[in-house]
Amino acid sequence: MPGDKVRKIGRTSGITHGRVTAIELENIVIGFEMGKLRFDGVLEIEGEGRRPFSYGGDSGALIVDEELRAAGLLFAGGDQGGTNRAGLTYACPIGSVMDALGARIIC
C-alpha cells in the first residue's frame, strides 16, 4: 500500500530503504536494449532520505516489507522523480510474479 516501508539488497546499491509511493500503476514505459516495454499493475518506490532506492544492476532484487515478507521484484529504476529528487524504482508485485510463474508458497 502507498506509504508502506520497504527494503532490499541490490547487487549495485546494497541495502536500501524506501517507501511505496504508488500501486497498480499502468502504462509505465521503460527503455531496454531490445526496445521500449510497457508494464501495467506495478509498484513505485522512492528511496529514504536523499538516496535512491536502486541503481542500475539491482534488477531482480527481492523487495520486502517491514515484516520481511516479499512485496515485489525490482525491474527498473531511474534517477529522476520522487519527492527526494533521487529517482523512482519500479517493481512487479510479488503476487503477480508468483502467478506468472505458477508458483506458490508451501509452509
PDB file of N, CA and C in Angstrom:
ATOM      1  N   MET A   1       0.836  -1.185   0.000  1.00  0.00           N
ATOM      2  CA  MET A   1       0.000   0.000   0.000  1.00  0.00           C
ATOM      3  C   MET A   1       0.883   1.252   0.000  1.00  0.00           C
ATOM      4  N   PRO A   2       0.415   2.329  -0.586  1.00  0.00           N
ATOM      5  CA  PRO A   2       1.201   3.562  -0.559  1.00  0.00           C
ATOM      6  C   PRO A   2       1.554   3.955   0.878  1.00  0.00           C
ATOM      7  N   GLY A   3       2.798   4.333   1.066  1.00  0.00           N
ATOM      8  CA  GLY A   3       3.291   4.709   2.380  1.00  0.00           C
ATOM      9  C   GLY A   3       3.989   3.578   3.112  1.00  0.00           C
ATOM     10  N   ASP A   4       3.790   2.326   2.676  1.00  0.00           N
ATOM     11  CA  ASP A   4       4.448   1.194   3.327  1.00  0.00           C
ATOM     12  C   ASP A   4       5.961   1.301   3.171  1.00  0.00           C
ATOM     13  N   LYS A   5       6.680   1.001   4.241  1.00  0.00           N
ATOM     14  CA  LYS A   5       8.138   1.000   4.200  1.00  0.00           C
ATOM     15  C   LYS A   5       8.611  -0.340   3.642  1.00  0.00           C
ATOM     16  N   VAL A   6       9.647  -0.269   2.809  1.00  0.00           N
ATOM     17  CA  VAL A   6      10.213  -1.462   2.190  1.00  0.00           C
ATOM     18  C   VAL A   6      11.733  -1.357   2.192  1.00  0.00           C
ATOM     19  N   ARG A   7      12.377  -2.486   1.888  1.00  0.00           N
ATOM     20  CA  ARG A   7      13.837  -2.501   1.762  1.00  0.00           C
ATOM     21  C   ARG A   7      14.246  -3.604   0.811  1.00  0.00           C
ATOM     22  N   LYS A   8      15.492  -3.574   0.394  1.00  0.00           N
ATOM     23  CA  LYS A   8      16.019  -4.604  -0.493  1.00  0.00           C
ATOM     24  C   LYS A   8      17.536  -4.606  -0.413  1.00  0.00           C
ATOM     25  N   ILE A   9      18.119  -5.687  -0.915  1.00  0.00           N
ATOM     26  CA  ILE A   9      19.568  -5.754  -1.078  1.00  0.00           C
ATOM     27  C   ILE A   9      19.817  -5.892  -2.570  1.00  0.00           C
ATOM     28  N   GLY A  10      20.440  -4.903  -3.158  1.00  0.00           N
ATOM     29  CA  GLY A  10      20.724  -4.912  -4.596  1.00  0.00           C
ATOM     30  C   GLY A  10      22.192  -5.173  -4.871  1.00  0.00           C
ATOM     31  N   ARG A  11      22.481  -5.743  -6.015  1.00  0.00           N
ATOM     32  CA  ARG A  11      23.861  -6.035  -6.401  1.00  0.00           C
ATOM     33  C   ARG A  11      24.713  -4.775  -6.418  1.00  0.00           C
ATOM     34  N   THR A  12      24.154  -3.677  -6.889  1.00  0.00           N
ATOM     35  CA  THR A  12      24.914  -2.438  -7.032  1.00  0.00           C
ATOM     36  C   THR A  12      24.778  -1.527  -5.814  1.00  0.00           C
ATOM     37  N   SER A  13      23.565  -1.352  -5.342  1.00  0.00           N
ATOM     38  CA  SER A  13      23.321  -0.369  -4.272  1.00  0.00           C
ATOM     39  C   SER A  13      23.414  -0.939  -2.868  1.00  0.00           C
ATOM     40  N   GLY A  14      23.447  -2.251  -2.726  1.00  0.00           N
ATOM     41  CA  GLY A  14      23.472  -2.843  -1.390  1.00  0.00           C
ATOM     42  C   GLY A  14      22.118  -2.718  -0.714  1.00  0.00           C
ATOM     43  N   ILE A  15      22.128  -2.561   0.595  1.00  0.00           N
ATOM     44  CA  ILE A  15      20.875  -2.442   1.345  1.00  0.00           C
ATOM     45  C   ILE A  15      20.355  -1.013   1.230  1.00  0.00           C
ATOM     46  N   THR A  16      19.097  -0.902   0.807  1.00  0.00           N
ATOM     47  CA  THR A  16      18.460   0.414   0.768  1.00  0.00           C
ATOM     48  C   THR A  16      17.070   0.310   1.369  1.00  0.00           C
ATOM     49  N   HIS A  17      16.608   1.434   1.863  1.00  0.00           N
ATOM     50  CA  HIS A  17      15.282   1.530   2.469  1.00  0.00           C
ATOM     51  C   HIS A  17      14.477   2.555   1.674  1.00  0.00           C
ATOM     52  N   GLY A  18      13.180   2.333   1.608  1.00  0.00           N
ATOM     53  CA  GLY A  18      12.325   3.267   0.895  1.00  0.00           C
ATOM     54  C   GLY A  18      10.883   3.107   1.317  1.00  0.00           C
ATOM     55  N   ARG A  19      10.001   3.708   0.517  1.00  0.00           N
ATOM     56  CA  ARG A  19       8.579   3.579   0.787  1.00  0.00           C
ATOM     57  C   ARG A  19       7.835   3.497  -0.535  1.00  0.00           C
ATOM     58  N   VAL A  20       6.748   2.775  -0.506  1.00  0.00           N
ATOM     59  CA  VAL A  20       5.904   2.639  -1.686  1.00  0.00           C
ATOM     60  C   VAL A  20       5.178   3.961  -1.881  1.00  0.00           C
ATOM     61  N   THR A  21       5.289   4.522  -3.089  1.00  0.00           N
ATOM     62  CA  THR A  21       4.629   5.792  -3.375  1.00  0.00           C
ATOM     63  C   THR A  21       3.390   5.620  -4.238  1.00  0.00           C
ATOM     64  N   ALA A  22       3.266   4.482  -4.917  1.00  0.00           N
ATOM     65  CA  ALA A  22       2.076   4.217  -5.739  1.00  0.00           C
ATOM     66  C   ALA A  22       1.975   2.719  -6.004  1.00  0.00           C
ATOM     67  N   ILE A  23       0.733   2.260  -6.185  1.00  0.00           N
ATOM     68  CA  ILE A  23       0.491   0.859  -6.527  1.00  0.00           C
ATOM     69  C   ILE A  23      -0.380   0.795  -7.782  1.00  0.00           C
ATOM     70  N   GLU A  24      -0.335  -0.330  -8.428  1.00  0.00           N
ATOM     71  CA  GLU A  24      -1.161  -0.592  -9.608  1.00  0.00           C
ATOM     72  C   GLU A  24      -1.016   0.482 -10.690  1.00  0.00           C
ATOM     73  N   LEU A  25       0.211   0.965 -10.876  1.00  0.00           N
ATOM     74  CA  LEU A  25       0.458   1.944 -11.937  1.00  0.00           C
ATOM     75  C   LEU A  25       0.322   1.274 -13.294  1.00  0.00           C
ATOM     76  N   GLU A  26      -0.240   1.992 -14.234  1.00  0.00           N
ATOM     77  CA  GLU A  26      -0.452   1.488 -15.592  1.00  0.00           C
ATOM     78  C   GLU A  26       0.404   2.271 -16.582  1.00  0.00           C
ATOM     79  N   ASN A  27       0.725   1.623 -17.684  1.00  0.00           N
ATOM     80  CA  ASN A  27       1.411   2.252 -18.807  1.00  0.00           C
ATOM     81  C   ASN A  27       2.764   2.851 -18.431  1.00  0.00           C
ATOM     82  N   ILE A  28       3.548   2.102 -17.673  1.00  0.00           N
ATOM     83  CA  ILE A  28       4.916   2.502 -17.350  1.00  0.00           C
ATOM     84  C   ILE A  28       5.804   1.985 -18.480  1.00  0.00           C
ATOM     85  N   VAL A  29       6.412   2.886 -19.234  1.00  0.00           N
ATOM     86  CA  VAL A  29       7.234   2.505 -20.381  1.00  0.00           C
ATOM     87  C   VAL A  29       8.705   2.661 -20.002  1.00  0.00           C
ATOM     88  N   ILE A  30       9.446   1.562 -20.142  1.00  0.00           N
ATOM     89  CA  ILE A  30      10.860   1.519 -19.778  1.00  0.00           C
ATOM     90  C   ILE A  30      11.664   1.124 -21.018  1.00  0.00           C
ATOM     91  N   GLY A  31      12.742   1.838 -21.279  1.00  0.00           N
ATOM     92  CA  GLY A  31      13.612   1.514 -22.404  1.00  0.00           C
ATOM     93  C   GLY A  31      14.654   0.485 -22.010  1.00  0.00           C
ATOM     94  N   PHE A  32      14.727  -0.584 -22.782  1.00  0.00           N
ATOM     95  CA  PHE A  32      15.731  -1.633 -22.603  1.00  0.00           C
ATOM     96  C   PHE A  32      16.512  -1.760 -23.905  1.00  0.00           C
ATOM     97  N   GLU A  33      17.576  -2.553 -23.912  1.00  0.00           N
ATOM     98  CA  GLU A  33      18.369  -2.753 -25.131  1.00  0.00           C
ATOM     99  C   GLU A  33      17.501  -3.239 -26.291  1.00  0.00           C
ATOM    100  N   MET A  34      16.517  -4.070 -26.000  1.00  0.00           N
ATOM    101  CA  MET A  34      15.657  -4.634 -27.047  1.00  0.00           C
ATOM    102  C   MET A  34      14.575  -3.665 -27.511  1.00  0.00           C
ATOM    103  N   GLY A  35      14.447  -2.546 -26.825  1.00  0.00           N
ATOM    104  CA  GLY A  35      13.432  -1.557 -27.160  1.00  0.00           C
ATOM    105  C   GLY A  35      12.637  -1.152 -25.930  1.00  0.00           C
ATOM    106  N   LYS A  36      11.562  -0.447 -26.153  1.00  0.00           N
ATOM    107  CA  LYS A  36      10.715   0.010 -25.052  1.00  0.00           C
ATOM    108  C   LYS A  36       9.658  -1.040 -24.746  1.00  0.00           C
ATOM    109  N   LEU A  37       9.480  -1.291 -23.450  1.00  0.00           N
ATOM    110  CA  LEU A  37       8.464  -2.231 -22.985  1.00  0.00           C
ATOM    111  C   LEU A  37       7.508  -1.508 -22.052  1.00  0.00           C
ATOM    112  N   ARG A  38       6.233  -1.892 -22.121  1.00  0.00           N
ATOM    113  CA  ARG A  38       5.207  -1.284 -21.273  1.00  0.00           C
ATOM    114  C   ARG A  38       4.824  -2.254 -20.168  1.00  0.00           C
ATOM    115  N   PHE A  39       4.679  -1.717 -18.963  1.00  0.00           N
ATOM    116  CA  PHE A  39       4.307  -2.509 -17.798  1.00  0.00           C
ATOM    117  C   PHE A  39       3.035  -1.944 -17.182  1.00  0.00           C
ATOM    118  N   ASP A  40       2.183  -2.816 -16.700  1.00  0.00           N
ATOM    119  CA  ASP A  40       0.952  -2.427 -16.018  1.00  0.00           C
ATOM    120  C   ASP A  40       0.887  -3.100 -14.653  1.00  0.00           C
ATOM    121  N   GLY A  41       0.200  -2.456 -13.716  1.00  0.00           N
ATOM    122  CA  GLY A  41      -0.011  -3.029 -12.390  1.00  0.00           C
ATOM    123  C   GLY A  41       1.223  -3.055 -11.523  1.00  0.00           C
ATOM    124  N   VAL A  42       2.118  -2.081 -11.683  1.00  0.00           N
ATOM    125  CA  VAL A  42       3.396  -2.109 -10.969  1.00  0.00           C
ATOM    126  C   VAL A  42       3.394  -1.229  -9.713  1.00  0.00           C
ATOM    127  N   LEU A  43       4.397  -1.452  -8.867  1.00  0.00           N
ATOM    128  CA  LEU A  43       4.642  -0.648  -7.671  1.00  0.00           C
ATOM    129  C   LEU A  43       5.664   0.433  -8.010  1.00  0.00           C
ATOM    130  N   GLU A  44       5.521   1.582  -7.382  1.00  0.00           N
ATOM    131  CA  GLU A  44       6.506   2.656  -7.497  1.00  0.00           C
ATOM    132  C   GLU A  44       7.085   2.886  -6.110  1.00  0.00           C
ATOM    133  N   ILE A  45       8.412   2.975  -6.035  1.00  0.00           N
ATOM    134  CA  ILE A  45       9.097   3.096  -4.743  1.00  0.00           C
ATOM    135  C   ILE A  45      10.111   4.226  -4.802  1.00  0.00           C
ATOM    136  N   GLU A  46      10.187   4.954  -3.701  1.00  0.00           N
ATOM    137  CA  GLU A  46      11.124   6.061  -3.567  1.00  0.00           C
ATOM    138  C   GLU A  46      12.079   5.748  -2.419  1.00  0.00           C
ATOM    139  N   GLY A  47      13.352   6.083  -2.582  1.00  0.00           N
ATOM    140  CA  GLY A  47      14.336   5.855  -1.536  1.00  0.00           C
ATOM    141  C   GLY A  47      14.144   6.781  -0.352  1.00  0.00           C
ATOM    142  N   GLU A  48      14.664   6.349   0.798  1.00  0.00           N
ATOM    143  CA  GLU A  48      14.618   7.174   2.007  1.00  0.00           C
ATOM    144  C   GLU A  48      15.712   8.225   1.949  1.00  0.00           C
ATOM    145  N   GLY A  49      15.447   9.356   2.537  1.00  0.00           N
ATOM    146  CA  GLY A  49      16.446  10.425   2.586  1.00  0.00           C
ATOM    147  C   GLY A  49      16.779  10.936   1.205  1.00  0.00           C
ATOM    148  N   ARG A  50      18.060  11.165   0.957  1.00  0.00           N
ATOM    149  CA  ARG A  50      18.494  11.698  -0.342  1.00  0.00           C
ATOM    150  C   ARG A  50      19.020  10.609  -1.266  1.00  0.00           C
ATOM    151  N   ARG A  51      18.906   9.380  -0.849  1.00  0.00           N
ATOM    152  CA  ARG A  51      19.464   8.262  -1.610  1.00  0.00           C
ATOM    153  C   ARG A  51      18.397   7.588  -2.465  1.00  0.00           C
ATOM    154  N   PRO A  52      18.747   7.198  -3.694  1.00  0.00           N
ATOM    155  CA  PRO A  52      17.779   6.440  -4.491  1.00  0.00           C
ATOM    156  C   PRO A  52      17.572   5.053  -3.902  1.00  0.00           C
ATOM    157  N   PHE A  53      16.442   4.436  -4.226  1.00  0.00           N
ATOM    158  CA  PHE A  53      16.166   3.079  -3.753  1.00  0.00           C
ATOM    159  C   PHE A  53      16.969   2.051  -4.532  1.00  0.00           C
ATOM    160  N   SER A  54      17.289   2.358  -5.802  1.00  0.00           N
ATOM    161  CA  SER A  54      18.030   1.387  -6.615  1.00  0.00           C
ATOM    162  C   SER A  54      18.972   2.076  -7.579  1.00  0.00           C
ATOM    163  N   TYR A  55      19.940   1.297  -8.050  1.00  0.00           N
ATOM    164  CA  TYR A  55      20.863   1.706  -9.103  1.00  0.00           C
ATOM    165  C   TYR A  55      20.825   0.656 -10.201  1.00  0.00           C
ATOM    166  N   GLY A  56      21.375   0.993 -11.376  1.00  0.00           N
ATOM    167  CA  GLY A  56      21.485   0.014 -12.441  1.00  0.00           C
ATOM    168  C   GLY A  56      22.222  -1.214 -11.933  1.00  0.00           C
ATOM    169  N   GLY A  57      21.730  -2.379 -12.275  1.00  0.00           N
ATOM    170  CA  GLY A  57      22.325  -3.627 -11.804  1.00  0.00           C
ATOM    171  C   GLY A  57      21.568  -4.249 -10.649  1.00  0.00           C
ATOM    172  N   ASP A  58      20.592  -3.523 -10.104  1.00  0.00           N
ATOM    173  CA  ASP A  58      19.787  -4.041  -8.994  1.00  0.00           C
ATOM    174  C   ASP A  58      18.568  -4.834  -9.463  1.00  0.00           C
ATOM    175  N   SER A  59      18.307  -4.837 -10.760  1.00  0.00           N
ATOM    176  CA  SER A  59      17.125  -5.550 -11.267  1.00  0.00           C
ATOM    177  C   SER A  59      17.130  -7.004 -10.802  1.00  0.00           C
ATOM    178  N   GLY A  60      15.949  -7.465 -10.423  1.00  0.00           N
ATOM    179  CA  GLY A  60      15.804  -8.827  -9.923  1.00  0.00           C
ATOM    180  C   GLY A  60      15.867  -8.924  -8.413  1.00  0.00           C
ATOM    181  N   ALA A  61      16.202  -7.826  -7.738  1.00  0.00           N
ATOM    182  CA  ALA A  61      16.268  -7.846  -6.278  1.00  0.00           C
ATOM    183  C   ALA A  61      14.873  -8.027  -5.686  1.00  0.00           C
ATOM    184  N   LEU A  62      14.792  -8.824  -4.650  1.00  0.00           N
ATOM    185  CA  LEU A  62      13.538  -9.022  -3.930  1.00  0.00           C
ATOM    186  C   LEU A  62      13.331  -7.858  -2.975  1.00  0.00           C
ATOM    187  N   ILE A  63      12.166  -7.260  -3.029  1.00  0.00           N
ATOM    188  CA  ILE A  63      11.803  -6.153  -2.143  1.00  0.00           C
ATOM    189  C   ILE A  63      10.918  -6.727  -1.048  1.00  0.00           C
ATOM    190  N   VAL A  64      11.244  -6.405   0.199  1.00  0.00           N
ATOM    191  CA  VAL A  64      10.479  -6.925   1.333  1.00  0.00           C
ATOM    192  C   VAL A  64       9.888  -5.789   2.149  1.00  0.00           C
ATOM    193  N   ASP A  65       8.819  -6.114   2.899  1.00  0.00           N
ATOM    194  CA  ASP A  65       8.194  -5.118   3.765  1.00  0.00           C
ATOM    195  C   ASP A  65       8.865  -5.144   5.136  1.00  0.00           C
ATOM    196  N   GLU A  66       8.304  -4.415   6.075  1.00  0.00           N
ATOM    197  CA  GLU A  66       8.901  -4.334   7.416  1.00  0.00           C
ATOM    198  C   GLU A  66       8.889  -5.664   8.166  1.00  0.00           C
ATOM    199  N   GLU A  67       7.991  -6.559   7.774  1.00  0.00           N
ATOM    200  CA  GLU A  67       7.904  -7.885   8.400  1.00  0.00           C
ATOM    201  C   GLU A  67       8.776  -8.905   7.657  1.00  0.00           C
ATOM    202  N   LEU A  68       9.571  -8.414   6.701  1.00  0.00           N
ATOM    203  CA  LEU A  68      10.427  -9.239   5.835  1.00  0.00           C
ATOM    204  C   LEU A  68       9.632 -10.176   4.938  1.00  0.00           C
ATOM    205  N   ARG A  69       8.381  -9.806   4.635  1.00  0.00           N
ATOM    206  CA  ARG A  69       7.568 -10.554   3.676  1.00  0.00           C
ATOM    207  C   ARG A  69       7.842 -10.008   2.282  1.00  0.00           C
ATOM    208  N   ALA A  70       7.921 -10.895   1.313  1.00  0.00           N
ATOM    209  CA  ALA A  70       8.154 -10.483  -0.067  1.00  0.00           C
ATOM    210  C   ALA A  70       7.046  -9.539  -0.516  1.00  0.00           C
ATOM    211  N   ALA A  71       7.443  -8.426  -1.131  1.00  0.00           N
ATOM    212  CA  ALA A  71       6.481  -7.429  -1.610  1.00  0.00           C
ATOM    213  C   ALA A  71       6.550  -7.265  -3.123  1.00  0.00           C
ATOM    214  N   GLY A  72       7.734  -7.382  -3.702  1.00  0.00           N
ATOM    215  CA  GLY A  72       7.865  -7.181  -5.134  1.00  0.00           C
ATOM    216  C   GLY A  72       9.222  -7.591  -5.652  1.00  0.00           C
ATOM    217  N   LEU A  73       9.344  -7.578  -6.971  1.00  0.00           N
ATOM    218  CA  LEU A  73      10.582  -7.904  -7.662  1.00  0.00           C
ATOM    219  C   LEU A  73      10.976  -6.687  -8.508  1.00  0.00           C
ATOM    220  N   LEU A  74      12.116  -6.106  -8.196  1.00  0.00           N
ATOM    221  CA  LEU A  74      12.581  -4.890  -8.838  1.00  0.00           C
ATOM    222  C   LEU A  74      12.915  -5.147 -10.311  1.00  0.00           C
ATOM    223  N   PHE A  75      12.423  -4.274 -11.206  1.00  0.00           N
ATOM    224  CA  PHE A  75      12.764  -4.437 -12.615  1.00  0.00           C
ATOM    225  C   PHE A  75      13.305  -3.175 -13.281  1.00  0.00           C
ATOM    226  N   ALA A  76      13.159  -2.020 -12.673  1.00  0.00           N
ATOM    227  CA  ALA A  76      13.676  -0.794 -13.301  1.00  0.00           C
ATOM    228  C   ALA A  76      13.750   0.335 -12.292  1.00  0.00           C
ATOM    229  N   GLY A  77      14.601   1.280 -12.585  1.00  0.00           N
ATOM    230  CA  GLY A  77      14.713   2.469 -11.756  1.00  0.00           C
ATOM    231  C   GLY A  77      15.349   3.580 -12.556  1.00  0.00           C
ATOM    232  N   GLY A  78      15.215   4.771 -12.056  1.00  0.00           N
ATOM    233  CA  GLY A  78      15.800   5.912 -12.740  1.00  0.00           C
ATOM    234  C   GLY A  78      16.260   6.945 -11.733  1.00  0.00           C
ATOM    235  N   ASP A  79      16.944   7.957 -12.228  1.00  0.00           N
ATOM    236  CA  ASP A  79      17.483   8.978 -11.334  1.00  0.00           C
ATOM    237  C   ASP A  79      16.666  10.259 -11.346  1.00  0.00           C
ATOM    238  N   GLN A  80      15.446  10.187 -11.868  1.00  0.00           N
ATOM    239  CA  GLN A  80      14.583  11.360 -11.908  1.00  0.00           C
ATOM    240  C   GLN A  80      13.279  11.066 -11.174  1.00  0.00           C
ATOM    241  N   GLY A  81      12.727  12.090 -10.552  1.00  0.00           N
ATOM    242  CA  GLY A  81      11.431  11.963  -9.896  1.00  0.00           C
ATOM    243  C   GLY A  81      11.537  11.688  -8.417  1.00  0.00           C
ATOM    244  N   GLY A  82      10.385  11.632  -7.794  1.00  0.00           N
ATOM    245  CA  GLY A  82      10.306  11.412  -6.356  1.00  0.00           C
ATOM    246  C   GLY A  82      10.392  12.711  -5.587  1.00  0.00           C
ATOM    247  N   THR A  83       9.848  12.702  -4.389  1.00  0.00           N
ATOM    248  CA  THR A  83       9.887  13.911  -3.574  1.00  0.00           C
ATOM    249  C   THR A  83      11.309  14.252  -3.140  1.00  0.00           C
ATOM    250  N   ASN A  84      12.185  13.225  -3.080  1.00  0.00           N
ATOM    251  CA  ASN A  84      13.574  13.479  -2.706  1.00  0.00           C
ATOM    252  C   ASN A  84      14.442  13.776  -3.933  1.00  0.00           C
ATOM    253  N   ARG A  85      13.837  13.742  -5.111  1.00  0.00           N
ATOM    254  CA  ARG A  85      14.511  14.016  -6.387  1.00  0.00           C
ATOM    255  C   ARG A  85      15.689  13.088  -6.656  1.00  0.00           C
ATOM    256  N   ALA A  86      15.687  11.926  -6.014  1.00  0.00           N
ATOM    257  CA  ALA A  86      16.765  10.947  -6.207  1.00  0.00           C
ATOM    258  C   ALA A  86      16.348   9.848  -7.174  1.00  0.00           C
ATOM    259  N   GLY A  87      15.113   9.900  -7.653  1.00  0.00           N
ATOM    260  CA  GLY A  87      14.656   8.903  -8.616  1.00  0.00           C
ATOM    261  C   GLY A  87      13.597   7.981  -8.061  1.00  0.00           C
ATOM    262  N   LEU A  88      13.012   7.218  -8.971  1.00  0.00           N
ATOM    263  CA  LEU A  88      11.967   6.265  -8.616  1.00  0.00           C
ATOM    264  C   LEU A  88      12.365   4.872  -9.083  1.00  0.00           C
ATOM    265  N   THR A  89      11.871   3.874  -8.381  1.00  0.00           N
ATOM    266  CA  THR A  89      12.119   2.475  -8.714  1.00  0.00           C
ATOM    267  C   THR A  89      10.778   1.811  -8.978  1.00  0.00           C
ATOM    268  N   TYR A  90      10.766   0.850  -9.897  1.00  0.00           N
ATOM    269  CA  TYR A  90       9.542   0.133 -10.245  1.00  0.00           C
ATOM    270  C   TYR A  90       9.719  -1.356  -9.986  1.00  0.00           C
ATOM    271  N   ALA A  91       8.645  -1.970  -9.510  1.00  0.00           N
ATOM    272  CA  ALA A  91       8.682  -3.396  -9.171  1.00  0.00           C
ATOM    273  C   ALA A  91       7.367  -4.061  -9.540  1.00  0.00           C
ATOM    274  N   CYS A  92       7.464  -5.328  -9.883  1.00  0.00           N
ATOM    275  CA  CYS A  92       6.270  -6.147 -10.092  1.00  0.00           C
ATOM    276  C   CYS A  92       5.826  -6.651  -8.725  1.00  0.00           C
ATOM    277  N   PRO A  93       4.540  -6.526  -8.384  1.00  0.00           N
ATOM    278  CA  PRO A  93       4.060  -7.062  -7.112  1.00  0.00           C
ATOM    279  C   PRO A  93       4.346  -8.568  -7.042  1.00  0.00           C
ATOM    280  N   ILE A  94       4.739  -9.043  -5.875  1.00  0.00           N
ATOM    281  CA  ILE A  94       5.156 -10.443  -5.747  1.00  0.00           C
ATOM    282  C   ILE A  94       4.023 -11.403  -6.102  1.00  0.00           C
ATOM    283  N   GLY A  95       2.782 -11.041  -5.845  1.00  0.00           N
ATOM    284  CA  GLY A  95       1.662 -11.899  -6.206  1.00  0.00           C
ATOM    285  C   GLY A  95       1.581 -12.115  -7.705  1.00  0.00           C
ATOM    286  N   SER A  96       1.822 -11.065  -8.477  1.00  0.00           N
ATOM    287  CA  SER A  96       1.819 -11.171  -9.938  1.00  0.00           C
ATOM    288  C   SER A  96       2.966 -12.040 -10.431  1.00  0.00           C
ATOM    289  N   VAL A  97       4.123 -11.903  -9.795  1.00  0.00           N
ATOM    290  CA  VAL A  97       5.290 -12.724 -10.162  1.00  0.00           C
ATOM    291  C   VAL A  97       4.992 -14.193  -9.896  1.00  0.00           C
ATOM    292  N   MET A  98       4.463 -14.475  -8.722  1.00  0.00           N
ATOM    293  CA  MET A  98       4.148 -15.864  -8.353  1.00  0.00           C
ATOM    294  C   MET A  98       3.117 -16.449  -9.312  1.00  0.00           C
ATOM    295  N   ASP A  99       2.086 -15.673  -9.645  1.00  0.00           N
ATOM    296  CA  ASP A  99       1.060 -16.144 -10.578  1.00  0.00           C
ATOM    297  C   ASP A  99       1.659 -16.444 -11.946  1.00  0.00           C
ATOM    298  N   ALA A 100       2.510 -15.542 -12.442  1.00  0.00           N
ATOM    299  CA  ALA A 100       3.110 -15.729 -13.765  1.00  0.00           C
ATOM    300  C   ALA A 100       3.990 -16.972 -13.821  1.00  0.00           C
ATOM    301  N   LEU A 101       4.623 -17.297 -12.696  1.00  0.00           N
ATOM    302  CA  LEU A 101       5.489 -18.469 -12.637  1.00  0.00           C
ATOM    303  C   LEU A 101       4.726 -19.751 -12.271  1.00  0.00           C
ATOM    304  N   GLY A 102       3.467 -19.604 -11.906  1.00  0.00           N
ATOM    305  CA  GLY A 102       2.713 -20.766 -11.451  1.00  0.00           C
ATOM    306  C   GLY A 102       3.257 -21.303 -10.136  1.00  0.00           C
ATOM    307  N   ALA A 103       3.808 -20.397  -9.328  1.00  0.00           N
ATOM    308  CA  ALA A 103       4.421 -20.795  -8.061  1.00  0.00           C
ATOM    309  C   ALA A 103       3.491 -20.516  -6.891  1.00  0.00           C
ATOM    310  N   ARG A 104       3.731 -21.218  -5.809  1.00  0.00           N
ATOM    311  CA  ARG A 104       3.004 -20.966  -4.564  1.00  0.00           C
ATOM    312  C   ARG A 104       3.915 -21.231  -3.392  1.00  0.00           C
ATOM    313  N   ILE A 105       3.629 -20.597  -2.286  1.00  0.00           N
ATOM    314  CA  ILE A 105       4.421 -20.765  -1.077  1.00  0.00           C
ATOM    315  C   ILE A 105       3.878 -21.951  -0.298  1.00  0.00           C
ATOM    316  N   ILE A 106       4.788 -22.846   0.092  1.00  0.00           N
ATOM    317  CA  ILE A 106       4.403 -24.003   0.901  1.00  0.00           C
ATOM    318  C   ILE A 106       5.080 -23.867   2.254  1.00  0.00           C
ATOM    319  N   CYS A 107       4.287 -23.860   3.297  1.00  0.00           N
ATOM    320  CA  CYS A 107       4.847 -23.729   4.653  1.00  0.00           C
ATOM    321  C   CYS A 107       4.613 -24.995   5.436  1.00  0.00           C
TER     322      CYS A 107
END
